[in-house]
Amino acid sequence: MEQEVITLLSTREIDKMRRAGHLAAQLLNHLEPLVKPGVTTLQLNDEAERWTQAHGAKSAPLGYHGFPKSICTSVNEVVCHGIPNAKQVLKSGDIINIDVTLILEGYHGDTSKMYFVGEPSPVARRLVEVTEKCRQLGMDEVRPGGRIGDIGAAIQEYAESQGFSVVRDFVGHGISNIFHTAPQIPHYGDRGTGKKLRPGMVFTIEPMINEGTWEVKVLKDKWTAITKDRKLSAQCEHTLVVTESGYEVLTQC
C-alpha cells in the first residue's frame, strides 16, 4: 500500500539520492552502445546487473514483488515493465525503453530512457520526441506552492495537442529509501488540483505516451503492460527533488 504521509527528505538524504541517481544515469549511458540489432533484452539485463554490482550497488527491481530481472526492457507496444528474455532479439526499427533503479547506500536512483534500434519510423521518432518534451514540461511545473495536478495537466495538454494519448494506469511516485511511496504523480489531470509541492519532496516524473489509445492491458506474466491497440508507446523518467526555488533533477550525469 502507498504510504499516506509524504516524507520530506533531509539534505543528507537528498545527497544520497543524488549519488544513487547519478549512478543510475551512468548505467543508462553504459548500456546505450549495446542497444543494436541482434542483441537480446536478456543481454542488456545481464550487463546491467554486472555493472551495477561492480559499482557497489543493487538492482532494485530484482525480486521486487517477484519481478524476475534487474531492469525493465519495454519494446515497441510495451508500455512498461517489460521482462528481459533471451528470445527477444532487437531488430532495426524497434524502439525500446530501458528502466533502471539502483540502490546505493540504501537510497534509490530511478530513471529510464528511450533508444532507437537502427533507424526508427517517422512516427516512432516523433512519439519519442513528444514524450521527452512531455517530461520536461511536467518538470517545469515543479516549484514550491505548485500542485501535483499542474504536472499532469501540462503533460496531457501537450501530448494530446500532438495527437497522442497519456497512459492512466501507471503514474510517477515518491521515492527515497523506499522504492514506491507517496505522493503519486499522475501524468494527466487538472491544474490547481492535488497536493501542494514543498521543498524536500522527491518523486519521479515518467510519462508514458501512446501512439493510439491510452488504454493498456497486462499480459499473463502479470508484469508486461502493452497498448490495447498494439500501437507504439514511449516513456522517459527522471527523479527530482523540489527545491526552494524550483527543482533539481537527481538522475543525470
Protein backbone atom coordinates (compact mmCIF):
# COMPACT_ATOMS: atom_id res chain seq x y z
CA MET A 1 0.00 0.00 0.00
CA GLU A 2 1.13 3.54 -0.73
CA GLN A 3 2.08 5.49 2.35
CA GLU A 4 -0.40 8.25 3.19
CA VAL A 5 2.22 10.58 4.61
CA ILE A 6 4.54 12.45 2.23
CA THR A 7 8.05 12.43 3.68
CA LEU A 8 10.27 15.47 3.14
CA LEU A 9 13.88 14.38 2.73
CA SER A 10 16.75 15.95 4.65
CA THR A 11 19.81 17.46 2.98
CA ARG A 12 21.76 14.32 3.87
CA GLU A 13 19.11 12.06 2.34
CA ILE A 14 18.88 14.18 -0.81
CA ASP A 15 22.64 13.91 -1.20
CA LYS A 16 22.34 10.12 -1.07
CA MET A 17 19.53 10.25 -3.62
CA ARG A 18 21.75 12.41 -5.83
CA ARG A 19 24.56 9.85 -5.71
CA ALA A 20 22.19 6.98 -6.45
CA GLY A 21 20.55 8.92 -9.26
CA HIS A 22 23.88 9.86 -10.81
CA LEU A 23 24.91 6.20 -10.84
CA ALA A 24 21.61 5.17 -12.45
CA ALA A 25 22.15 7.76 -15.20
CA GLN A 26 25.65 6.39 -15.76
CA LEU A 27 24.21 2.90 -16.15
CA LEU A 28 21.87 4.06 -18.92
CA ASN A 29 24.81 5.70 -20.69
CA HIS A 30 26.80 2.47 -20.30
CA LEU A 31 24.03 0.40 -21.89
CA GLU A 32 23.45 2.73 -24.86
CA PRO A 33 26.16 1.30 -27.18
CA LEU A 34 24.75 -2.19 -26.63
CA VAL A 35 21.31 -1.25 -27.99
CA LYS A 36 21.62 -2.50 -31.56
CA PRO A 37 20.11 -5.12 -33.87
CA GLY A 38 20.86 -8.70 -32.86
CA VAL A 39 21.20 -8.01 -29.14
CA THR A 40 18.71 -9.69 -26.79
CA THR A 41 17.00 -7.90 -23.96
CA LEU A 42 18.44 -10.54 -21.61
CA GLN A 43 21.95 -9.48 -22.66
CA LEU A 44 21.09 -5.90 -21.70
CA ASN A 45 19.76 -7.13 -18.37
CA ASP A 46 22.81 -9.24 -17.58
CA GLU A 47 25.24 -6.44 -18.42
CA ALA A 48 23.22 -4.03 -16.27
CA GLU A 49 23.38 -6.44 -13.34
CA ARG A 50 27.13 -6.98 -13.79
CA TRP A 51 27.82 -3.23 -13.99
CA THR A 52 25.58 -2.46 -11.01
CA GLN A 53 27.35 -4.98 -8.78
CA ALA A 54 30.74 -3.76 -9.97
CA HIS A 55 29.80 -0.26 -8.79
CA GLY A 56 28.76 -1.37 -5.31
CA ALA A 57 25.02 -1.04 -5.87
CA LYS A 58 22.00 -3.34 -6.06
CA SER A 59 19.28 -3.65 -8.71
CA ALA A 60 16.04 -2.63 -7.01
CA PRO A 61 13.64 -4.38 -9.44
CA LEU A 62 15.24 -7.83 -8.97
CA GLY A 63 12.84 -9.76 -6.76
CA TYR A 64 10.65 -6.69 -6.09
CA HIS A 65 7.16 -8.16 -5.60
CA GLY A 66 8.50 -11.14 -7.54
CA PHE A 67 9.85 -9.27 -10.59
CA PRO A 68 12.37 -11.73 -12.10
CA LYS A 69 15.00 -9.45 -13.68
CA SER A 70 17.23 -6.48 -12.88
CA ILE A 71 15.88 -3.92 -15.36
CA CYS A 72 12.71 -3.35 -17.41
CA THR A 73 13.02 -3.50 -21.20
CA SER A 74 9.87 -2.27 -22.94
CA VAL A 75 9.95 -2.65 -26.73
CA ASN A 76 7.56 -1.03 -29.24
CA GLU A 77 3.98 -1.60 -27.97
CA VAL A 78 5.15 -2.47 -24.45
CA VAL A 79 4.22 0.44 -22.19
CA CYS A 80 6.24 -0.56 -19.14
CA HIS A 81 7.55 -3.46 -17.02
CA GLY A 82 8.80 -5.50 -19.98
CA ILE A 83 10.74 -8.53 -18.73
CA PRO A 84 14.12 -9.12 -20.40
CA ASN A 85 14.44 -12.52 -22.04
CA ALA A 86 16.77 -14.47 -24.30
CA LYS A 87 14.22 -14.87 -27.11
CA GLN A 88 13.57 -11.15 -27.56
CA VAL A 89 16.10 -10.04 -30.17
CA LEU A 90 16.23 -6.34 -31.04
CA LYS A 91 15.77 -5.52 -34.70
CA SER A 92 16.25 -2.39 -36.76
CA GLY A 93 13.28 -0.04 -36.41
CA ASP A 94 12.45 -1.05 -32.85
CA ILE A 95 12.16 1.47 -30.05
CA ILE A 96 12.99 0.39 -26.52
CA ASN A 97 12.63 1.92 -23.09
CA ILE A 98 15.22 0.80 -20.56
CA ASP A 99 14.15 1.49 -16.99
CA VAL A 100 16.76 1.11 -14.25
CA THR A 101 16.60 1.57 -10.49
CA LEU A 102 19.71 1.19 -8.37
CA ILE A 103 20.04 1.06 -4.60
CA LEU A 104 23.16 2.80 -3.32
CA GLU A 105 23.73 3.43 0.40
CA GLY A 106 20.11 2.39 0.94
CA TYR A 107 18.61 5.00 -1.42
CA HIS A 108 17.10 4.62 -4.89
CA GLY A 109 18.12 6.10 -8.22
CA ASP A 110 15.26 5.59 -10.71
CA THR A 111 15.41 6.68 -14.34
CA SER A 112 14.52 5.50 -17.83
CA LYS A 113 15.32 6.43 -21.39
CA MET A 114 14.16 5.65 -24.93
CA TYR A 115 16.56 4.23 -27.51
CA PHE A 116 16.24 3.72 -31.24
CA VAL A 117 17.41 0.39 -32.67
CA GLY A 118 18.77 1.31 -36.09
CA GLU A 119 16.57 3.79 -37.96
CA PRO A 120 13.12 4.45 -36.44
CA SER A 121 9.96 5.16 -38.39
CA PRO A 122 8.89 8.82 -38.58
CA VAL A 123 6.01 8.23 -36.15
CA ALA A 124 8.31 6.44 -33.69
CA ARG A 125 10.80 9.30 -33.77
CA ARG A 126 8.05 11.88 -33.25
CA LEU A 127 6.49 9.86 -30.41
CA VAL A 128 9.81 9.72 -28.56
CA GLU A 129 10.45 13.45 -29.11
CA VAL A 130 6.98 14.31 -27.79
CA THR A 131 7.45 12.04 -24.76
CA GLU A 132 10.75 13.71 -23.86
CA LYS A 133 9.11 17.13 -24.23
CA CYS A 134 6.23 15.96 -22.02
CA ARG A 135 8.64 15.03 -19.27
CA GLN A 136 10.32 18.42 -19.49
CA LEU A 137 7.02 20.30 -19.46
CA GLY A 138 5.96 18.31 -16.41
CA MET A 139 9.21 19.08 -14.59
CA ASP A 140 8.89 22.76 -15.44
CA GLU A 141 5.71 22.87 -13.32
CA VAL A 142 7.62 21.79 -10.20
CA ARG A 143 8.08 24.58 -7.67
CA PRO A 144 7.11 25.23 -4.04
CA GLY A 145 3.41 26.02 -3.82
CA GLY A 146 2.60 24.37 -7.13
CA ARG A 147 0.22 21.46 -7.24
CA ILE A 148 0.67 17.88 -8.35
CA GLY A 149 -2.20 18.34 -10.80
CA ASP A 150 -0.22 21.05 -12.61
CA ILE A 151 2.36 18.44 -13.65
CA GLY A 152 -0.17 16.08 -15.21
CA ALA A 153 -2.10 18.88 -16.85
CA ALA A 154 0.99 20.21 -18.64
CA ILE A 155 1.88 16.73 -19.89
CA GLN A 156 -1.64 15.86 -21.02
CA GLU A 157 -2.21 19.19 -22.78
CA TYR A 158 0.92 18.83 -24.88
CA ALA A 159 0.64 15.10 -25.64
CA GLU A 160 -2.94 15.40 -26.81
CA SER A 161 -2.17 18.52 -28.83
CA GLN A 162 0.30 16.37 -30.77
CA GLY A 163 -2.25 13.64 -31.45
CA PHE A 164 -1.01 11.19 -28.83
CA SER A 165 -2.52 9.90 -25.58
CA VAL A 166 -1.39 9.63 -21.95
CA VAL A 167 -1.46 6.32 -20.06
CA ARG A 168 -3.66 6.49 -16.95
CA ASP A 169 -2.86 3.12 -15.36
CA PHE A 170 0.73 3.90 -14.32
CA VAL A 171 1.98 7.08 -12.66
CA GLY A 172 5.05 8.66 -11.12
CA HIS A 173 5.72 8.15 -7.43
CA GLY A 174 7.55 9.31 -4.37
CA ILE A 175 10.89 7.61 -3.82
CA SER A 176 13.63 7.60 -1.17
CA ASN A 177 14.96 4.64 0.78
CA ILE A 178 11.57 3.18 -0.25
CA PHE A 179 11.09 2.28 -3.94
CA HIS A 180 7.47 3.46 -4.27
CA THR A 181 5.85 5.79 -1.77
CA ALA A 182 3.64 8.88 -1.59
CA PRO A 183 2.86 11.00 -3.47
CA GLN A 184 1.53 9.54 -6.70
CA ILE A 185 2.25 11.76 -9.72
CA PRO A 186 -0.35 11.28 -12.49
CA HIS A 187 0.70 12.37 -15.98
CA TYR A 188 -2.79 13.69 -16.72
CA GLY A 189 -5.23 15.83 -14.79
CA ASP A 190 -6.32 19.35 -13.97
CA ARG A 191 -4.34 22.39 -12.92
CA GLY A 192 -4.76 23.58 -9.36
CA THR A 193 -5.62 20.11 -8.05
CA GLY A 194 -3.69 17.65 -5.90
CA LYS A 195 -1.34 18.20 -3.01
CA LYS A 196 0.90 21.26 -2.80
CA LEU A 197 4.57 20.80 -3.64
CA ARG A 198 7.03 21.52 -0.83
CA PRO A 199 10.85 21.67 -0.71
CA GLY A 200 12.30 18.27 0.14
CA MET A 201 9.65 16.26 -1.75
CA VAL A 202 11.33 13.71 -4.03
CA PHE A 203 9.41 11.89 -6.77
CA THR A 204 9.59 10.59 -10.32
CA ILE A 205 8.03 12.08 -13.43
CA GLU A 206 7.77 9.30 -16.03
CA PRO A 207 5.11 9.95 -18.66
CA MET A 208 4.02 7.02 -20.81
CA ILE A 209 2.74 8.37 -24.12
CA ASN A 210 0.94 6.19 -26.66
CA GLU A 211 0.60 6.48 -30.42
CA GLY A 212 -3.05 5.40 -30.25
CA THR A 213 -5.38 4.74 -27.33
CA TRP A 214 -4.24 5.39 -23.77
CA GLU A 215 -5.70 2.06 -22.69
CA VAL A 216 -3.36 -0.78 -21.77
CA LYS A 217 -3.59 -4.43 -20.83
CA VAL A 218 -1.28 -6.54 -18.70
CA LEU A 219 -0.10 -9.87 -20.12
CA LYS A 220 -0.32 -13.25 -18.39
CA ASP A 221 3.10 -12.78 -16.79
CA LYS A 222 1.31 -10.17 -14.62
CA TRP A 223 4.01 -7.57 -15.36
CA THR A 224 4.26 -6.68 -19.05
CA ALA A 225 1.83 -3.88 -19.93
CA ILE A 226 1.09 -3.31 -23.62
CA THR A 227 -1.06 -0.85 -25.53
CA LYS A 228 -4.55 -2.23 -26.06
CA ASP A 229 -4.39 -1.43 -29.79
CA ARG A 230 -0.78 -2.72 -30.13
CA LYS A 231 0.43 0.66 -31.35
CA LEU A 232 3.68 2.18 -30.13
CA SER A 233 4.35 3.52 -26.64
CA ALA A 234 7.22 5.60 -25.27
CA GLN A 235 8.32 6.55 -21.76
CA CYS A 236 11.11 8.54 -20.15
CA GLU A 237 11.75 9.15 -16.48
CA HIS A 238 13.69 11.34 -14.10
CA THR A 239 13.75 11.51 -10.32
CA LEU A 240 13.72 15.07 -8.98
CA VAL A 241 13.58 17.00 -5.73
CA VAL A 242 11.55 20.13 -5.07
CA THR A 243 13.95 22.92 -4.07
CA GLU A 244 13.34 26.35 -2.52
CA SER A 245 13.20 27.91 -5.98
CA GLY A 246 12.08 25.09 -8.30
CA TYR A 247 13.50 21.62 -8.80
CA GLU A 248 16.72 19.67 -9.25
CA VAL A 249 16.98 16.58 -11.42
CA LEU A 250 18.71 13.86 -9.40
CA THR A 251 19.11 11.32 -12.21
CA GLN A 252 21.58 12.99 -14.53
CA CYS A 253 25.29 12.61 -15.12
